[in-house]
Amino acid sequence: MTEGYCVKDKKKVEIKNPVKTTMKNGKPATQGTCPICGGKVFRIGA
């Protein structure tokens, strides 16, 4: 699974429901939700 940093929990968590996206500059990224608080988690380059 992919890990990302949750700003609300201030720790690394596994991304729940990860979706691969591409940013405006063309770099790959992964977006999903935090399994603990339900907030958004975003990871660049994954």
PDB file of N, CA and C in Angstrom:
ATOM      1  N   MET A   1       0.830  -1.188   0.000  1.00  0.00           N
ATOM      2  CA  MET A   1       0.000   0.000   0.000  1.00  0.00           C
ATOM      3  C   MET A   1       0.878   1.256   0.000  1.00  0.00           C
ATOM      4  N   THR A   2       0.272   2.350  -0.367  1.00  0.00           N
ATOM      5  CA  THR A   2       0.978   3.618  -0.437  1.00  0.00           C
ATOM      6  C   THR A   2       0.817   4.381   0.874  1.00  0.00           C
ATOM      7  N   GLU A   3       1.908   4.960   1.339  1.00  0.00           N
ATOM      8  CA  GLU A   3       1.860   5.754   2.552  1.00  0.00           C
ATOM      9  C   GLU A   3       1.960   7.231   2.220  1.00  0.00           C
ATOM     10  N   GLY A   4       1.291   8.035   3.026  1.00  0.00           N
ATOM     11  CA  GLY A   4       1.354   9.482   2.880  1.00  0.00           C
ATOM     12  C   GLY A   4       1.346  10.123   4.251  1.00  0.00           C
ATOM     13  N   TYR A   5       1.569  11.440   4.301  1.00  0.00           N
ATOM     14  CA  TYR A   5       1.627  12.152   5.576  1.00  0.00           C
ATOM     15  C   TYR A   5       0.297  12.853   5.831  1.00  0.00           C
ATOM     16  N   CYS A   6      -0.314  12.542   6.968  1.00  0.00           N
ATOM     17  CA  CYS A   6      -1.559  13.188   7.361  1.00  0.00           C
ATOM     18  C   CYS A   6      -1.204  14.415   8.196  1.00  0.00           C
ATOM     19  N   VAL A   7      -1.617  15.593   7.752  1.00  0.00           N
ATOM     20  CA  VAL A   7      -1.288  16.830   8.444  1.00  0.00           C
ATOM     21  C   VAL A   7      -2.061  16.937   9.759  1.00  0.00           C
ATOM     22  N   LYS A   8      -3.284  16.456   9.791  1.00  0.00           N
ATOM     23  CA  LYS A   8      -4.086  16.529  11.015  1.00  0.00           C
ATOM     24  C   LYS A   8      -3.524  15.630  12.113  1.00  0.00           C
ATOM     25  N   ASP A   9      -3.140  14.399  11.764  1.00  0.00           N
ATOM     26  CA  ASP A   9      -2.607  13.453  12.740  1.00  0.00           C
ATOM     27  C   ASP A   9      -1.111  13.616  12.969  1.00  0.00           C
ATOM     28  N   LYS A  10      -0.433  14.333  12.065  1.00  0.00           N
ATOM     29  CA  LYS A  10       1.011  14.581  12.127  1.00  0.00           C
ATOM     30  C   LYS A  10       1.829  13.295  12.145  1.00  0.00           C
ATOM     31  N   LYS A  11       1.448  12.348  11.277  1.00  0.00           N
ATOM     32  CA  LYS A  11       2.222  11.115  11.140  1.00  0.00           C
ATOM     33  C   LYS A  11       1.923  10.466   9.791  1.00  0.00           C
ATOM     34  N   LYS A  12       2.777   9.496   9.423  1.00  0.00           N
ATOM     35  CA  LYS A  12       2.573   8.773   8.177  1.00  0.00           C
ATOM     36  C   LYS A  12       1.484   7.731   8.364  1.00  0.00           C
ATOM     37  N   VAL A  13       0.591   7.631   7.386  1.00  0.00           N
ATOM     38  CA  VAL A  13      -0.488   6.655   7.419  1.00  0.00           C
ATOM     39  C   VAL A  13      -0.621   6.012   6.044  1.00  0.00           C
ATOM     40  N   GLU A  14      -1.251   4.849   5.993  1.00  0.00           N
ATOM     41  CA  GLU A  14      -1.546   4.231   4.710  1.00  0.00           C
ATOM     42  C   GLU A  14      -2.708   4.981   4.076  1.00  0.00           C
ATOM     43  N   ILE A  15      -2.612   5.235   2.785  1.00  0.00           N
ATOM     44  CA  ILE A  15      -3.667   5.973   2.090  1.00  0.00           C
ATOM     45  C   ILE A  15      -4.831   5.029   1.817  1.00  0.00           C
ATOM     46  N   LYS A  16      -6.005   5.412   2.287  1.00  0.00           N
ATOM     47  CA  LYS A  16      -7.220   4.633   2.070  1.00  0.00           C
ATOM     48  C   LYS A  16      -7.854   5.101   0.764  1.00  0.00           C
ATOM     49  N   ASN A  17      -8.287   4.176  -0.064  1.00  0.00           N
ATOM     50  CA  ASN A  17      -8.873   4.468  -1.380  1.00  0.00           C
ATOM     51  C   ASN A  17      -7.942   5.335  -2.238  1.00  0.00           C
ATOM     52  N   PRO A  18      -6.711   4.866  -2.521  1.00  0.00           N
ATOM     53  CA  PRO A  18      -5.782   5.687  -3.304  1.00  0.00           C
ATOM     54  C   PRO A  18      -6.208   5.820  -4.768  1.00  0.00           C
ATOM     55  N   VAL A  19      -6.034   7.028  -5.290  1.00  0.00           N
ATOM     56  CA  VAL A  19      -6.348   7.317  -6.689  1.00  0.00           C
ATOM     57  C   VAL A  19      -5.126   7.986  -7.296  1.00  0.00           C
ATOM     58  N   LYS A  20      -4.602   7.396  -8.370  1.00  0.00           N
ATOM     59  CA  LYS A  20      -3.442   7.977  -9.050  1.00  0.00           C
ATOM     60  C   LYS A  20      -3.912   9.149  -9.900  1.00  0.00           C
ATOM     61  N   THR A  21      -3.234  10.300  -9.747  1.00  0.00           N
ATOM     62  CA  THR A  21      -3.562  11.496 -10.502  1.00  0.00           C
ATOM     63  C   THR A  21      -2.291  12.093 -11.085  1.00  0.00           C
ATOM     64  N   THR A  22      -2.461  13.101 -11.940  1.00  0.00           N
ATOM     65  CA  THR A  22      -1.342  13.834 -12.505  1.00  0.00           C
ATOM     66  C   THR A  22      -1.553  15.310 -12.181  1.00  0.00           C
ATOM     67  N   MET A  23      -0.511  15.939 -11.647  1.00  0.00           N
ATOM     68  CA  MET A  23      -0.611  17.353 -11.298  1.00  0.00           C
ATOM     69  C   MET A  23      -0.502  18.217 -12.558  1.00  0.00           C
ATOM     70  N   LYS A  24      -0.731  19.519 -12.400  1.00  0.00           N
ATOM     71  CA  LYS A  24      -0.694  20.439 -13.534  1.00  0.00           C
ATOM     72  C   LYS A  24       0.654  20.448 -14.251  1.00  0.00           C
ATOM     73  N   ASN A  25       1.744  20.258 -13.483  1.00  0.00           N
ATOM     74  CA  ASN A  25       3.072  20.281 -14.085  1.00  0.00           C
ATOM     75  C   ASN A  25       3.473  18.938 -14.688  1.00  0.00           C
ATOM     76  N   GLY A  26       2.589  17.930 -14.641  1.00  0.00           N
ATOM     77  CA  GLY A  26       2.847  16.652 -15.272  1.00  0.00           C
ATOM     78  C   GLY A  26       3.407  15.582 -14.356  1.00  0.00           C
ATOM     79  N   LYS A  27       3.700  15.916 -13.105  1.00  0.00           N
ATOM     80  CA  LYS A  27       4.253  14.933 -12.171  1.00  0.00           C
ATOM     81  C   LYS A  27       3.142  14.030 -11.629  1.00  0.00           C
ATOM     82  N   PRO A  28       3.470  12.756 -11.396  1.00  0.00           N
ATOM     83  CA  PRO A  28       2.464  11.845 -10.845  1.00  0.00           C
ATOM     84  C   PRO A  28       2.230  12.100  -9.359  1.00  0.00           C
ATOM     85  N   ALA A  29       1.035  11.784  -8.894  1.00  0.00           N
ATOM     86  CA  ALA A  29       0.690  11.944  -7.481  1.00  0.00           C
ATOM     87  C   ALA A  29      -0.386  10.935  -7.116  1.00  0.00           C
ATOM     88  N   THR A  30      -0.558  10.709  -5.811  1.00  0.00           N
ATOM     89  CA  THR A  30      -1.591   9.815  -5.306  1.00  0.00           C
ATOM     90  C   THR A  30      -2.409  10.573  -4.269  1.00  0.00           C
ATOM     91  N   GLN A  31      -3.725  10.461  -4.380  1.00  0.00           N
ATOM     92  CA  GLN A  31      -4.614  11.156  -3.462  1.00  0.00           C
ATOM     93  C   GLN A  31      -5.578  10.157  -2.855  1.00  0.00           C
ATOM     94  N   GLY A  32      -5.894  10.335  -1.570  1.00  0.00           N
ATOM     95  CA  GLY A  32      -6.826   9.443  -0.903  1.00  0.00           C
ATOM     96  C   GLY A  32      -7.258  10.027   0.427  1.00  0.00           C
ATOM     97  N   THR A  33      -7.717   9.165   1.332  1.00  0.00           N
ATOM     98  CA  THR A  33      -8.176   9.626   2.635  1.00  0.00           C
ATOM     99  C   THR A  33      -7.387   8.945   3.746  1.00  0.00           C
ATOM    100  N   CYS A  34      -7.378   9.581   4.905  1.00  0.00           N
ATOM    101  CA  CYS A  34      -6.703   9.044   6.082  1.00  0.00           C
ATOM    102  C   CYS A  34      -7.646   8.069   6.773  1.00  0.00           C
ATOM    103  N   PRO A  35      -7.177   6.862   7.116  1.00  0.00           N
ATOM    104  CA  PRO A  35      -8.051   5.892   7.775  1.00  0.00           C
ATOM    105  C   PRO A  35      -8.384   6.260   9.221  1.00  0.00           C
ATOM    106  N   ILE A  36      -7.612   7.162   9.835  1.00  0.00           N
ATOM    107  CA  ILE A  36      -7.831   7.538  11.225  1.00  0.00           C
ATOM    108  C   ILE A  36      -8.834   8.690  11.348  1.00  0.00           C
ATOM    109  N   CYS A  37      -8.542   9.822  10.668  1.00  0.00           N
ATOM    110  CA  CYS A  37      -9.383  11.007  10.828  1.00  0.00           C
ATOM    111  C   CYS A  37     -10.321  11.255   9.646  1.00  0.00           C
ATOM    112  N   GLY A  38     -10.081  10.615   8.509  1.00  0.00           N
ATOM    113  CA  GLY A  38     -10.943  10.806   7.338  1.00  0.00           C
ATOM    114  C   GLY A  38     -10.571  12.009   6.496  1.00  0.00           C
ATOM    115  N   GLY A  39      -9.462  12.681   6.814  1.00  0.00           N
ATOM    116  CA  GLY A  39      -9.015  13.844   6.046  1.00  0.00           C
ATOM    117  C   GLY A  39      -8.312  13.428   4.770  1.00  0.00           C
ATOM    118  N   LYS A  40      -8.037  14.409   3.923  1.00  0.00           N
ATOM    119  CA  LYS A  40      -7.347  14.131   2.665  1.00  0.00           C
ATOM    120  C   LYS A  40      -5.863  13.916   2.898  1.00  0.00           C
ATOM    121  N   VAL A  41      -5.307  12.931   2.160  1.00  0.00           N
ATOM    122  CA  VAL A  41      -3.876  12.658   2.181  1.00  0.00           C
ATOM    123  C   VAL A  41      -3.408  12.723   0.738  1.00  0.00           C
ATOM    124  N   PHE A  42      -2.293  13.440   0.496  1.00  0.00           N
ATOM    125  CA  PHE A  42      -1.789  13.653  -0.852  1.00  0.00           C
ATOM    126  C   PHE A  42      -0.307  13.328  -0.863  1.00  0.00           C
ATOM    127  N   ARG A  43       0.118  12.524  -1.830  1.00  0.00           N
ATOM    128  CA  ARG A  43       1.528  12.164  -1.941  1.00  0.00           C
ATOM    129  C   ARG A  43       2.004  12.458  -3.365  1.00  0.00           C
ATOM    130  N   ILE A  44       3.085  13.216  -3.459  1.00  0.00           N
ATOM    131  CA  ILE A  44       3.646  13.578  -4.758  1.00  0.00           C
ATOM    132  C   ILE A  44       4.676  12.536  -5.164  1.00  0.00           C
ATOM    133  N   GLY A  45       4.637  12.144  -6.438  1.00  0.00           N
ATOM    134  CA  GLY A  45       5.646  11.247  -6.979  1.00  0.00           C
ATOM    135  C   GLY A  45       5.400   9.784  -6.703  1.00  0.00           C
ATOM    136  N   ALA A  46       4.197   9.422  -6.371  1.00  0.00           N
ATOM    137  CA  ALA A  46       3.918   8.013  -6.083  1.00  0.00           C
ATOM    138  C   ALA A  46       2.890   7.466  -7.043  1.00  0.00           C
TER     139      ALA A  46
END
